[in-house]
Amino acid sequence: MNLSPDMLAYIFLGLLGLAVMIYAVLDGYDLGVGMLLPMNDLEQRNTLLASIGPFWDANETWLVLAVGILLIAFPKAHSLVLYELYLPALILLIGLIARGVAFDMRAKAISDYQRAWDWAFKFGSLTAALAQGYMLGRFVTGFLHTGFAYGFALLSALCVAAAYVYIGSAWLVMKTEGELQSRALGWLRLAGAVTLLGLVFVSAANLTLVPEVVSRWFTPTGKALLVLIPMIGAAALYYIEQTVLRLYQGEEHLSRRPFIGVVVLFLLSFVALAFSFFPYVVPGKMLATEAASAAASLEFILVGVIFVLPVILAYTVYSYRVFWGKSEGLRYY
């Protein structure tokens, strides 16, 4: 390969962003489903868990990939991120471990303890979502140590949890039927309203915290995106709401549409984040070109990525194809 060091750094920054984006969509919906577990109805809990059963563990592969890229391609940034976020990262791991243990143990625990393991899965999902949101809030502010920055991180934690509930409820609309689908439609509307409100506050606060971002959005390209992104977002919200109304009227063949609409909103959010902070690997602190490993190392790693990434993508697509369709309650034999 004859790629320049800067180009290699940007390629790996793009791969890092891609891994995080796919993780947010895929593990986002199963974290949302975990937070939505109805603790007053065992049959519905079983159906919710069956809807994510074949996928949730593999979805976390993208988190492992993102952390691996950060560690290998941007070791200086990895050190800084872990230094600043070691406590929320630990809380995130506790939440993910609780989910993994609870999902397996609920199948093996006698009935008196199954509900307790379901609570553990719900708690682990909420903990992981809040930790990720807090880490995102600290990250995009460049780890500023001010009261306002910490308040922004807490707001970000709530918004990310709401967004995961939003995409999780859209997933359930697609994967369930009858009364449970009706409940999911209600969750979808409520979570959508909270997510939209949170996005407005987070965007406003972020512009206040990072002045450089403001100037970037008022360049010609920024102004175009400032018009285009809200227009597409408004169209997606309208698409979701109209679909919800038609689903209430029994048009079951439209059940995939809310999930598609929410995925579009997630992608728009990532486009906005990418435009705001490129080419920083740590916003306001460290450029990708400054934090990147040696060019020879990146070239060697890129060869591996060219083979591994398509395999992960192919496996992901295949697994979703095999387990497509409506979910039924879990059965343990």
C-alpha atoms as a PDB file:
ATOM      1  CA  MET A   1       0.000   0.000   0.000  1.00  0.00           C
ATOM      2  CA  ASN A   2       1.173   3.520  -0.732  1.00  0.00           C
ATOM      3  CA  LEU A   3      -1.148   5.442   1.580  1.00  0.00           C
ATOM      4  CA  SER A   4       0.109   8.501   3.426  1.00  0.00           C
ATOM      5  CA  PRO A   5       0.169   8.466   7.248  1.00  0.00           C
ATOM      6  CA  ASP A   6      -2.595  11.077   7.347  1.00  0.00           C
ATOM      7  CA  MET A   7      -4.805   9.044   5.007  1.00  0.00           C
ATOM      8  CA  LEU A   8      -4.277   5.910   7.107  1.00  0.00           C
ATOM      9  CA  ALA A   9      -5.243   7.843  10.238  1.00  0.00           C
ATOM     10  CA  TYR A  10      -8.444   9.069   8.580  1.00  0.00           C
ATOM     11  CA  ILE A  11      -9.308   5.573   7.324  1.00  0.00           C
ATOM     12  CA  PHE A  12      -9.064   4.181  10.838  1.00  0.00           C
ATOM     13  CA  LEU A  13     -10.993   7.119  12.242  1.00  0.00           C
ATOM     14  CA  GLY A  14     -13.735   6.276   9.747  1.00  0.00           C
ATOM     15  CA  LEU A  15     -13.637   2.605  10.741  1.00  0.00           C
ATOM     16  CA  LEU A  16     -13.862   3.594  14.401  1.00  0.00           C
ATOM     17  CA  GLY A  17     -16.886   5.771  13.669  1.00  0.00           C
ATOM     18  CA  LEU A  18     -18.502   2.982  11.633  1.00  0.00           C
ATOM     19  CA  ALA A  19     -18.050   0.435  14.428  1.00  0.00           C
ATOM     20  CA  VAL A  20     -19.504   2.808  17.031  1.00  0.00           C
ATOM     21  CA  MET A  21     -22.452   3.682  14.783  1.00  0.00           C
ATOM     22  CA  ILE A  22     -23.337   0.043  14.072  1.00  0.00           C
ATOM     23  CA  TYR A  23     -22.952  -0.780  17.756  1.00  0.00           C
ATOM     24  CA  ALA A  24     -25.279   2.051  18.779  1.00  0.00           C
ATOM     25  CA  VAL A  25     -27.990   0.803  16.422  1.00  0.00           C
ATOM     26  CA  LEU A  26     -27.669  -2.928  17.078  1.00  0.00           C
ATOM     27  CA  ASP A  27     -26.848  -3.069  20.768  1.00  0.00           C
ATOM     28  CA  GLY A  28     -28.943   0.067  21.264  1.00  0.00           C
ATOM     29  CA  TYR A  29     -32.181  -1.719  20.434  1.00  0.00           C
ATOM     30  CA  ASP A  30     -31.439  -4.740  22.626  1.00  0.00           C
ATOM     31  CA  LEU A  31     -30.459  -2.488  25.546  1.00  0.00           C
ATOM     32  CA  GLY A  32     -33.742  -0.683  24.954  1.00  0.00           C
ATOM     33  CA  VAL A  33     -35.654  -3.966  25.002  1.00  0.00           C
ATOM     34  CA  GLY A  34     -33.907  -4.878  28.255  1.00  0.00           C
ATOM     35  CA  MET A  35     -34.987  -1.599  29.855  1.00  0.00           C
ATOM     36  CA  LEU A  36     -38.570  -2.202  28.699  1.00  0.00           C
ATOM     37  CA  LEU A  37     -38.991  -5.645  30.294  1.00  0.00           C
ATOM     38  CA  PRO A  38     -42.532  -5.659  31.805  1.00  0.00           C
ATOM     39  CA  MET A  39     -41.938  -7.048  35.285  1.00  0.00           C
ATOM     40  CA  ASN A  40     -45.649  -7.706  35.847  1.00  0.00           C
ATOM     41  CA  ASP A  41     -46.026 -10.167  32.968  1.00  0.00           C
ATOM     42  CA  LEU A  42     -43.776 -13.239  32.608  1.00  0.00           C
ATOM     43  CA  GLU A  43     -45.145 -14.234  29.199  1.00  0.00           C
ATOM     44  CA  GLN A  44     -44.427 -10.805  27.740  1.00  0.00           C
ATOM     45  CA  ARG A  45     -40.948 -10.784  29.294  1.00  0.00           C
ATOM     46  CA  ASN A  46     -40.261 -14.116  27.621  1.00  0.00           C
ATOM     47  CA  THR A  47     -41.394 -12.736  24.264  1.00  0.00           C
ATOM     48  CA  LEU A  48     -39.239  -9.617  24.641  1.00  0.00           C
ATOM     49  CA  LEU A  49     -36.178 -11.691  25.486  1.00  0.00           C
ATOM     50  CA  ALA A  50     -36.918 -14.102  22.629  1.00  0.00           C
ATOM     51  CA  SER A  51     -36.937 -11.141  20.218  1.00  0.00           C
ATOM     52  CA  ILE A  52     -33.305 -10.318  21.046  1.00  0.00           C
ATOM     53  CA  GLY A  53     -32.087 -13.784  22.049  1.00  0.00           C
ATOM     54  CA  PRO A  54     -30.295 -14.706  18.786  1.00  0.00           C
ATOM     55  CA  PHE A  55     -28.707 -11.266  18.395  1.00  0.00           C
ATOM     56  CA  TRP A  56     -27.865  -9.446  21.609  1.00  0.00           C
ATOM     57  CA  ASP A  57     -24.575 -11.169  22.392  1.00  0.00           C
ATOM     58  CA  ALA A  58     -23.243 -10.838  18.832  1.00  0.00           C
ATOM     59  CA  ASN A  59     -24.266  -7.168  18.732  1.00  0.00           C
ATOM     60  CA  GLU A  60     -21.603  -6.432  21.344  1.00  0.00           C
ATOM     61  CA  THR A  61     -18.951  -7.575  18.842  1.00  0.00           C
ATOM     62  CA  TRP A  62     -19.057  -4.067  17.410  1.00  0.00           C
ATOM     63  CA  LEU A  63     -18.159  -2.563  20.791  1.00  0.00           C
ATOM     64  CA  VAL A  64     -15.166  -4.898  21.017  1.00  0.00           C
ATOM     65  CA  LEU A  65     -14.157  -3.880  17.488  1.00  0.00           C
ATOM     66  CA  ALA A  66     -14.445  -0.171  18.303  1.00  0.00           C
ATOM     67  CA  VAL A  67     -12.348  -0.491  21.464  1.00  0.00           C
ATOM     68  CA  GLY A  68      -9.808  -2.604  19.566  1.00  0.00           C
ATOM     69  CA  ILE A  69      -9.446   0.002  16.813  1.00  0.00           C
ATOM     70  CA  LEU A  70      -9.047   2.763  19.398  1.00  0.00           C
ATOM     71  CA  LEU A  71      -6.381   0.782  21.255  1.00  0.00           C
ATOM     72  CA  ILE A  72      -4.370  -0.356  18.240  1.00  0.00           C
ATOM     73  CA  ALA A  73      -4.769   2.550  15.818  1.00  0.00           C
ATOM     74  CA  PHE A  74      -4.914   5.440  18.307  1.00  0.00           C
ATOM     75  CA  PRO A  75      -3.056   4.311  21.470  1.00  0.00           C
ATOM     76  CA  LYS A  76      -2.529   7.871  22.777  1.00  0.00           C
ATOM     77  CA  ALA A  77      -6.240   8.582  22.509  1.00  0.00           C
ATOM     78  CA  HIS A  78      -7.046   5.222  24.128  1.00  0.00           C
ATOM     79  CA  SER A  79      -4.873   6.118  27.121  1.00  0.00           C
ATOM     80  CA  LEU A  80      -6.534   9.511  27.498  1.00  0.00           C
ATOM     81  CA  VAL A  81     -10.067   8.134  27.146  1.00  0.00           C
ATOM     82  CA  LEU A  82      -9.489   5.351  29.682  1.00  0.00           C
ATOM     83  CA  TYR A  83      -7.806   7.777  32.084  1.00  0.00           C
ATOM     84  CA  GLU A  84     -10.785  10.122  32.000  1.00  0.00           C
ATOM     85  CA  LEU A  85     -13.515   7.467  31.822  1.00  0.00           C
ATOM     86  CA  TYR A  86     -12.222   4.562  33.890  1.00  0.00           C
ATOM     87  CA  LEU A  87     -15.089   4.745  36.423  1.00  0.00           C
ATOM     88  CA  PRO A  88     -18.015   4.947  33.934  1.00  0.00           C
ATOM     89  CA  ALA A  89     -16.236   2.301  31.822  1.00  0.00           C
ATOM     90  CA  LEU A  90     -16.179   0.044  34.887  1.00  0.00           C
ATOM     91  CA  ILE A  91     -19.889   0.707  35.479  1.00  0.00           C
ATOM     92  CA  LEU A  92     -20.559  -0.098  31.809  1.00  0.00           C
ATOM     93  CA  LEU A  93     -18.770  -3.423  32.159  1.00  0.00           C
ATOM     94  CA  ILE A  94     -20.742  -4.252  35.315  1.00  0.00           C
ATOM     95  CA  GLY A  95     -23.975  -3.573  33.432  1.00  0.00           C
ATOM     96  CA  LEU A  96     -22.946  -5.728  30.466  1.00  0.00           C
ATOM     97  CA  ILE A  97     -21.784  -8.556  32.740  1.00  0.00           C
ATOM     98  CA  ALA A  98     -25.062  -8.409  34.675  1.00  0.00           C
ATOM     99  CA  ARG A  99     -26.983  -8.727  31.408  1.00  0.00           C
ATOM    100  CA  GLY A 100     -24.961 -11.701  30.246  1.00  0.00           C
ATOM    101  CA  VAL A 101     -25.212 -13.588  33.530  1.00  0.00           C
ATOM    102  CA  ALA A 102     -28.902 -12.808  33.963  1.00  0.00           C
ATOM    103  CA  PHE A 103     -29.861 -13.923  30.451  1.00  0.00           C
ATOM    104  CA  ASP A 104     -28.299 -17.346  30.983  1.00  0.00           C
ATOM    105  CA  MET A 105     -29.293 -17.796  34.622  1.00  0.00           C
ATOM    106  CA  ARG A 106     -32.981 -16.989  34.080  1.00  0.00           C
ATOM    107  CA  ALA A 107     -33.125 -20.146  31.950  1.00  0.00           C
ATOM    108  CA  LYS A 108     -31.547 -22.241  34.668  1.00  0.00           C
ATOM    109  CA  ALA A 109     -32.934 -20.664  37.840  1.00  0.00           C
ATOM    110  CA  ILE A 110     -35.944 -22.223  39.485  1.00  0.00           C
ATOM    111  CA  SER A 111     -39.123 -20.199  39.037  1.00  0.00           C
ATOM    112  CA  ASP A 112     -38.821 -18.427  42.401  1.00  0.00           C
ATOM    113  CA  TYR A 113     -35.615 -16.723  41.242  1.00  0.00           C
ATOM    114  CA  GLN A 114     -36.346 -16.155  37.556  1.00  0.00           C
ATOM    115  CA  ARG A 115     -37.977 -12.792  38.223  1.00  0.00           C
ATOM    116  CA  ALA A 116     -34.898 -11.679  40.171  1.00  0.00           C
ATOM    117  CA  TRP A 117     -32.684 -12.497  37.178  1.00  0.00           C
ATOM    118  CA  ASP A 118     -35.062 -10.566  34.934  1.00  0.00           C
ATOM    119  CA  TRP A 119     -34.646  -7.576  37.247  1.00  0.00           C
ATOM    120  CA  ALA A 120     -30.881  -8.033  36.923  1.00  0.00           C
ATOM    121  CA  PHE A 121     -31.157  -7.995  33.123  1.00  0.00           C
ATOM    122  CA  LYS A 122     -33.282  -4.852  33.269  1.00  0.00           C
ATOM    123  CA  PHE A 123     -30.871  -3.205  35.720  1.00  0.00           C
ATOM    124  CA  GLY A 124     -27.845  -4.183  33.607  1.00  0.00           C
ATOM    125  CA  SER A 125     -29.455  -2.747  30.477  1.00  0.00           C
ATOM    126  CA  LEU A 126     -30.264   0.553  32.186  1.00  0.00           C
ATOM    127  CA  THR A 127     -26.826   0.796  33.786  1.00  0.00           C
ATOM    128  CA  ALA A 128     -25.036   0.122  30.490  1.00  0.00           C
ATOM    129  CA  ALA A 129     -27.173   2.663  28.598  1.00  0.00           C
ATOM    130  CA  LEU A 130     -26.668   5.407  31.187  1.00  0.00           C
ATOM    131  CA  ALA A 131     -22.924   4.721  31.371  1.00  0.00           C
ATOM    132  CA  GLN A 132     -22.579   4.928  27.587  1.00  0.00           C
ATOM    133  CA  GLY A 133     -24.511   8.189  27.482  1.00  0.00           C
ATOM    134  CA  TYR A 134     -22.394   9.695  30.256  1.00  0.00           C
ATOM    135  CA  MET A 135     -19.194   8.617  28.510  1.00  0.00           C
ATOM    136  CA  LEU A 136     -20.413  10.154  25.246  1.00  0.00           C
ATOM    137  CA  GLY A 137     -21.196  13.421  27.032  1.00  0.00           C
ATOM    138  CA  ARG A 138     -17.750  13.592  28.614  1.00  0.00           C
ATOM    139  CA  PHE A 139     -16.083  12.623  25.332  1.00  0.00           C
ATOM    140  CA  VAL A 140     -17.699  15.223  23.056  1.00  0.00           C
ATOM    141  CA  THR A 141     -16.837  18.028  25.487  1.00  0.00           C
ATOM    142  CA  GLY A 142     -13.162  17.042  25.402  1.00  0.00           C
ATOM    143  CA  PHE A 143     -13.285  15.957  29.063  1.00  0.00           C
ATOM    144  CA  LEU A 144     -13.720  19.488  30.390  1.00  0.00           C
ATOM    145  CA  HIS A 145     -13.703  19.572  34.186  1.00  0.00           C
ATOM    146  CA  THR A 146     -16.460  22.102  34.759  1.00  0.00           C
ATOM    147  CA  GLY A 147     -19.824  21.830  36.445  1.00  0.00           C
ATOM    148  CA  PHE A 148     -21.596  22.603  33.192  1.00  0.00           C
ATOM    149  CA  ALA A 149     -19.660  19.873  31.357  1.00  0.00           C
ATOM    150  CA  TYR A 150     -20.526  17.270  34.007  1.00  0.00           C
ATOM    151  CA  GLY A 151     -24.162  18.396  33.890  1.00  0.00           C
ATOM    152  CA  PHE A 152     -24.085  17.973  30.113  1.00  0.00           C
ATOM    153  CA  ALA A 153     -22.742  14.428  30.556  1.00  0.00           C
ATOM    154  CA  LEU A 154     -25.622  13.575  32.895  1.00  0.00           C
ATOM    155  CA  LEU A 155     -28.107  14.977  30.378  1.00  0.00           C
ATOM    156  CA  SER A 156     -26.399  12.956  27.659  1.00  0.00           C
ATOM    157  CA  ALA A 157     -26.773   9.811  29.789  1.00  0.00           C
ATOM    158  CA  LEU A 158     -30.540  10.297  30.027  1.00  0.00           C
ATOM    159  CA  CYS A 159     -30.843  11.107  26.322  1.00  0.00           C
ATOM    160  CA  VAL A 160     -28.905   8.030  25.189  1.00  0.00           C
ATOM    161  CA  ALA A 161     -31.007   5.812  27.468  1.00  0.00           C
ATOM    162  CA  ALA A 162     -34.180   7.365  26.000  1.00  0.00           C
ATOM    163  CA  ALA A 163     -32.853   6.880  22.462  1.00  0.00           C
ATOM    164  CA  TYR A 164     -32.147   3.215  23.181  1.00  0.00           C
ATOM    165  CA  VAL A 165     -35.679   2.776  24.536  1.00  0.00           C
ATOM    166  CA  TYR A 166     -36.910   4.479  21.356  1.00  0.00           C
ATOM    167  CA  ILE A 167     -35.144   2.104  18.992  1.00  0.00           C
ATOM    168  CA  GLY A 168     -35.889  -0.842  21.296  1.00  0.00           C
ATOM    169  CA  SER A 169     -39.624  -0.140  21.202  1.00  0.00           C
ATOM    170  CA  ALA A 170     -39.429   0.195  17.393  1.00  0.00           C
ATOM    171  CA  TRP A 171     -37.765  -3.225  17.318  1.00  0.00           C
ATOM    172  CA  LEU A 172     -40.600  -4.664  19.404  1.00  0.00           C
ATOM    173  CA  VAL A 173     -43.221  -3.146  17.108  1.00  0.00           C
ATOM    174  CA  MET A 174     -41.531  -5.073  14.293  1.00  0.00           C
ATOM    175  CA  LYS A 175     -41.039  -8.349  16.191  1.00  0.00           C
ATOM    176  CA  THR A 176     -44.257  -8.715  18.215  1.00  0.00           C
ATOM    177  CA  GLU A 177     -47.998  -8.850  17.691  1.00  0.00           C
ATOM    178  CA  GLY A 178     -51.280  -8.152  19.472  1.00  0.00           C
ATOM    179  CA  GLU A 179     -51.335  -6.627  22.946  1.00  0.00           C
ATOM    180  CA  LEU A 180     -47.562  -6.527  23.276  1.00  0.00           C
ATOM    181  CA  GLN A 181     -47.216  -4.693  19.979  1.00  0.00           C
ATOM    182  CA  SER A 182     -49.825  -2.161  21.160  1.00  0.00           C
ATOM    183  CA  ARG A 183     -47.780  -1.580  24.315  1.00  0.00           C
ATOM    184  CA  ALA A 184     -44.652  -1.170  22.185  1.00  0.00           C
ATOM    185  CA  LEU A 185     -46.402   1.472  20.070  1.00  0.00           C
ATOM    186  CA  GLY A 186     -47.153   3.429  23.248  1.00  0.00           C
ATOM    187  CA  TRP A 187     -43.548   3.109  24.401  1.00  0.00           C
ATOM    188  CA  LEU A 188     -42.391   4.209  20.944  1.00  0.00           C
ATOM    189  CA  ARG A 189     -44.374   7.434  21.030  1.00  0.00           C
ATOM    190  CA  LEU A 190     -43.343   8.338  24.571  1.00  0.00           C
ATOM    191  CA  ALA A 191     -39.667   7.521  24.071  1.00  0.00           C
ATOM    192  CA  GLY A 192     -39.669   9.411  20.765  1.00  0.00           C
ATOM    193  CA  ALA A 193     -40.965  12.567  22.418  1.00  0.00           C
ATOM    194  CA  VAL A 194     -38.371  12.345  25.213  1.00  0.00           C
ATOM    195  CA  THR A 195     -35.556  11.610  22.732  1.00  0.00           C
ATOM    196  CA  LEU A 196     -36.493  14.548  20.506  1.00  0.00           C
ATOM    197  CA  LEU A 197     -36.649  16.920  23.471  1.00  0.00           C
ATOM    198  CA  GLY A 198     -33.316  15.626  24.730  1.00  0.00           C
ATOM    199  CA  LEU A 199     -31.663  16.076  21.333  1.00  0.00           C
ATOM    200  CA  VAL A 200     -32.712  19.720  21.273  1.00  0.00           C
ATOM    201  CA  PHE A 201     -31.233  20.389  24.727  1.00  0.00           C
ATOM    202  CA  VAL A 202     -28.066  18.372  24.055  1.00  0.00           C
ATOM    203  CA  SER A 203     -27.442  20.171  20.753  1.00  0.00           C
ATOM    204  CA  ALA A 204     -27.916  23.579  22.351  1.00  0.00           C
ATOM    205  CA  ALA A 205     -25.661  22.729  25.308  1.00  0.00           C
ATOM    206  CA  ASN A 206     -22.976  21.261  23.060  1.00  0.00           C
ATOM    207  CA  LEU A 207     -22.832  24.445  20.987  1.00  0.00           C
ATOM    208  CA  THR A 208     -22.344  26.399  24.204  1.00  0.00           C
ATOM    209  CA  LEU A 209     -19.577  24.122  25.471  1.00  0.00           C
ATOM    210  CA  VAL A 210     -17.558  23.834  22.262  1.00  0.00           C
ATOM    211  CA  PRO A 211     -17.382  27.191  20.400  1.00  0.00           C
ATOM    212  CA  GLU A 212     -15.346  25.645  17.574  1.00  0.00           C
ATOM    213  CA  VAL A 213     -18.358  23.517  16.669  1.00  0.00           C
ATOM    214  CA  VAL A 214     -20.503  26.632  16.187  1.00  0.00           C
ATOM    215  CA  SER A 215     -18.139  28.129  13.614  1.00  0.00           C
ATOM    216  CA  ARG A 216     -17.976  24.827  11.728  1.00  0.00           C
ATOM    217  CA  TRP A 217     -21.754  24.697  11.332  1.00  0.00           C
ATOM    218  CA  PHE A 218     -21.768  28.177   9.799  1.00  0.00           C
ATOM    219  CA  THR A 219     -19.455  27.294   6.930  1.00  0.00           C
ATOM    220  CA  PRO A 220     -21.174  26.738   3.536  1.00  0.00           C
ATOM    221  CA  THR A 221     -21.140  22.956   4.045  1.00  0.00           C
ATOM    222  CA  GLY A 222     -22.338  23.337   7.617  1.00  0.00           C
ATOM    223  CA  LYS A 223     -25.224  25.574   6.602  1.00  0.00           C
ATOM    224  CA  ALA A 224     -26.313  23.048   3.982  1.00  0.00           C
ATOM    225  CA  LEU A 225     -26.249  20.236   6.539  1.00  0.00           C
ATOM    226  CA  LEU A 226     -27.993  22.480   9.055  1.00  0.00           C
ATOM    227  CA  VAL A 227     -30.932  22.611   6.657  1.00  0.00           C
ATOM    228  CA  LEU A 228     -30.719  19.079   5.257  1.00  0.00           C
ATOM    229  CA  ILE A 229     -30.374  17.095   8.503  1.00  0.00           C
ATOM    230  CA  PRO A 230     -33.429  18.639  10.247  1.00  0.00           C
ATOM    231  CA  MET A 231     -35.479  18.231   7.044  1.00  0.00           C
ATOM    232  CA  ILE A 232     -34.652  14.535   6.753  1.00  0.00           C
ATOM    233  CA  GLY A 233     -35.166  14.113  10.507  1.00  0.00           C
ATOM    234  CA  ALA A 234     -38.599  15.758  10.364  1.00  0.00           C
ATOM    235  CA  ALA A 235     -39.547  13.534   7.413  1.00  0.00           C
ATOM    236  CA  ALA A 236     -38.439  10.436   9.373  1.00  0.00           C
ATOM    237  CA  LEU A 237     -40.477  11.497  12.415  1.00  0.00           C
ATOM    238  CA  TYR A 238     -43.546  12.081  10.228  1.00  0.00           C
ATOM    239  CA  TYR A 239     -42.975   8.685   8.574  1.00  0.00           C
ATOM    240  CA  ILE A 240     -42.825   6.999  12.000  1.00  0.00           C
ATOM    241  CA  GLU A 241     -45.920   8.772  13.345  1.00  0.00           C
ATOM    242  CA  GLN A 242     -48.030   8.048  10.270  1.00  0.00           C
ATOM    243  CA  THR A 243     -46.978   4.405  10.423  1.00  0.00           C
ATOM    244  CA  VAL A 244     -47.926   4.218  14.112  1.00  0.00           C
ATOM    245  CA  LEU A 245     -51.406   5.533  13.333  1.00  0.00           C
ATOM    246  CA  ARG A 246     -51.844   2.970  10.564  1.00  0.00           C
ATOM    247  CA  LEU A 247     -50.583   0.159  12.794  1.00  0.00           C
ATOM    248  CA  TYR A 248     -53.212   1.080  15.369  1.00  0.00           C
ATOM    249  CA  GLN A 249     -55.715   0.536  12.554  1.00  0.00           C
ATOM    250  CA  GLY A 250     -54.411  -3.000  11.980  1.00  0.00           C
ATOM    251  CA  GLU A 251     -52.059  -2.554   8.990  1.00  0.00           C
ATOM    252  CA  GLU A 252     -49.577  -5.121  10.294  1.00  0.00           C
ATOM    253  CA  HIS A 253     -47.541  -5.229   7.072  1.00  0.00           C
ATOM    254  CA  LEU A 254     -46.099  -1.812   8.027  1.00  0.00           C
ATOM    255  CA  SER A 255     -44.523  -3.014  11.285  1.00  0.00           C
ATOM    256  CA  ARG A 256     -40.942  -2.682  10.010  1.00  0.00           C
ATOM    257  CA  ARG A 257     -41.286   0.982   9.140  1.00  0.00           C
ATOM    258  CA  PRO A 258     -40.867   2.510  12.645  1.00  0.00           C
ATOM    259  CA  PHE A 259     -37.552   0.685  13.098  1.00  0.00           C
ATOM    260  CA  ILE A 260     -36.332   1.919   9.716  1.00  0.00           C
ATOM    261  CA  GLY A 261     -37.348   5.472  10.631  1.00  0.00           C
ATOM    262  CA  VAL A 262     -35.556   5.376  13.983  1.00  0.00           C
ATOM    263  CA  VAL A 263     -32.407   3.958  12.360  1.00  0.00           C
ATOM    264  CA  VAL A 264     -32.462   6.934   9.965  1.00  0.00           C
ATOM    265  CA  LEU A 265     -32.601   9.283  12.976  1.00  0.00           C
ATOM    266  CA  PHE A 266     -29.629   7.489  14.564  1.00  0.00           C
ATOM    267  CA  LEU A 267     -27.641   7.814  11.339  1.00  0.00           C
ATOM    268  CA  LEU A 268     -28.432  11.527  11.100  1.00  0.00           C
ATOM    269  CA  SER A 269     -27.181  12.015  14.661  1.00  0.00           C
ATOM    270  CA  PHE A 270     -23.903  10.313  13.796  1.00  0.00           C
ATOM    271  CA  VAL A 271     -23.506  12.411  10.651  1.00  0.00           C
ATOM    272  CA  ALA A 272     -23.933  15.530  12.784  1.00  0.00           C
ATOM    273  CA  LEU A 273     -21.380  14.289  15.332  1.00  0.00           C
ATOM    274  CA  ALA A 274     -18.891  13.359  12.609  1.00  0.00           C
ATOM    275  CA  PHE A 275     -19.189  16.748  10.931  1.00  0.00           C
ATOM    276  CA  SER A 276     -18.868  18.552  14.275  1.00  0.00           C
ATOM    277  CA  PHE A 277     -15.633  16.897  15.372  1.00  0.00           C
ATOM    278  CA  PHE A 278     -13.730  15.538  12.349  1.00  0.00           C
ATOM    279  CA  PRO A 279     -10.704  15.172  12.225  1.00  0.00           C
ATOM    280  CA  TYR A 280     -10.421  14.927  16.021  1.00  0.00           C
ATOM    281  CA  VAL A 281     -10.259  11.498  17.624  1.00  0.00           C
ATOM    282  CA  VAL A 282     -10.785  13.238  20.987  1.00  0.00           C
ATOM    283  CA  PRO A 283     -12.777  16.458  20.407  1.00  0.00           C
ATOM    284  CA  GLY A 284     -10.731  19.575  21.054  1.00  0.00           C
ATOM    285  CA  LYS A 285      -7.841  17.551  22.483  1.00  0.00           C
ATOM    286  CA  MET A 286      -6.243  15.246  19.963  1.00  0.00           C
ATOM    287  CA  LEU A 287      -6.314  15.010  16.182  1.00  0.00           C
ATOM    288  CA  ALA A 288      -6.466  11.598  14.543  1.00  0.00           C
ATOM    289  CA  THR A 289      -3.129  12.282  12.830  1.00  0.00           C
ATOM    290  CA  GLU A 290      -1.521  13.128  16.188  1.00  0.00           C
ATOM    291  CA  ALA A 291      -2.815  10.062  18.009  1.00  0.00           C
ATOM    292  CA  ALA A 292      -2.310   7.476  15.247  1.00  0.00           C
ATOM    293  CA  SER A 293       0.143   4.607  15.427  1.00  0.00           C
ATOM    294  CA  ALA A 294       3.092   4.399  13.031  1.00  0.00           C
ATOM    295  CA  ALA A 295       2.130   4.195   9.354  1.00  0.00           C
ATOM    296  CA  ALA A 296       3.733   0.767   8.946  1.00  0.00           C
ATOM    297  CA  SER A 297       1.661  -0.584  11.830  1.00  0.00           C
ATOM    298  CA  LEU A 298      -1.547   0.887  10.420  1.00  0.00           C
ATOM    299  CA  GLU A 299      -0.853  -0.601   6.986  1.00  0.00           C
ATOM    300  CA  PHE A 300      -0.352  -4.041   8.554  1.00  0.00           C
ATOM    301  CA  ILE A 301      -3.530  -3.750  10.616  1.00  0.00           C
ATOM    302  CA  LEU A 302      -5.529  -2.512   7.623  1.00  0.00           C
ATOM    303  CA  VAL A 303      -4.800  -5.741   5.749  1.00  0.00           C
ATOM    304  CA  GLY A 304      -6.384  -7.679   8.608  1.00  0.00           C
ATOM    305  CA  VAL A 305      -9.364  -5.339   8.764  1.00  0.00           C
ATOM    306  CA  ILE A 306      -9.998  -5.795   5.037  1.00  0.00           C
ATOM    307  CA  PHE A 307     -10.534  -9.517   5.709  1.00  0.00           C
ATOM    308  CA  VAL A 308     -12.172  -9.411   9.151  1.00  0.00           C
ATOM    309  CA  LEU A 309     -14.712  -6.608   8.694  1.00  0.00           C
ATOM    310  CA  PRO A 310     -16.554  -8.213   5.745  1.00  0.00           C
ATOM    311  CA  VAL A 311     -16.754 -11.489   7.707  1.00  0.00           C
ATOM    312  CA  ILE A 312     -18.358  -9.723  10.686  1.00  0.00           C
ATOM    313  CA  LEU A 313     -20.760  -7.898   8.380  1.00  0.00           C
ATOM    314  CA  ALA A 314     -21.649 -11.110   6.536  1.00  0.00           C
ATOM    315  CA  TYR A 315     -22.244 -12.989   9.783  1.00  0.00           C
ATOM    316  CA  THR A 316     -24.428 -10.162  11.090  1.00  0.00           C
ATOM    317  CA  VAL A 317     -26.546 -10.064   7.938  1.00  0.00           C
ATOM    318  CA  TYR A 318     -26.833 -13.865   7.857  1.00  0.00           C
ATOM    319  CA  SER A 319     -27.921 -14.144  11.498  1.00  0.00           C
ATOM    320  CA  TYR A 320     -30.608 -11.510  11.053  1.00  0.00           C
ATOM    321  CA  ARG A 321     -31.825 -13.238   7.896  1.00  0.00           C
ATOM    322  CA  VAL A 322     -32.065 -16.625   9.626  1.00  0.00           C
ATOM    323  CA  PHE A 323     -33.935 -15.318  12.678  1.00  0.00           C
ATOM    324  CA  TRP A 324     -36.149 -12.823  10.867  1.00  0.00           C
ATOM    325  CA  GLY A 325     -39.887 -12.705  11.535  1.00  0.00           C
ATOM    326  CA  LYS A 326     -42.112 -12.402  14.571  1.00  0.00           C
ATOM    327  CA  SER A 327     -40.944 -13.639  17.968  1.00  0.00           C
ATOM    328  CA  GLU A 328     -42.597 -16.162  20.203  1.00  0.00           C
ATOM    329  CA  GLY A 329     -42.121 -16.746  23.901  1.00  0.00           C
ATOM    330  CA  LEU A 330     -38.998 -18.511  25.100  1.00  0.00           C
ATOM    331  CA  ARG A 331     -39.246 -22.243  25.687  1.00  0.00           C
ATOM    332  CA  TYR A 332     -36.730 -24.105  27.850  1.00  0.00           C
ATOM    333  CA  TYR A 333     -36.429 -27.837  27.469  1.00  0.00           C
END
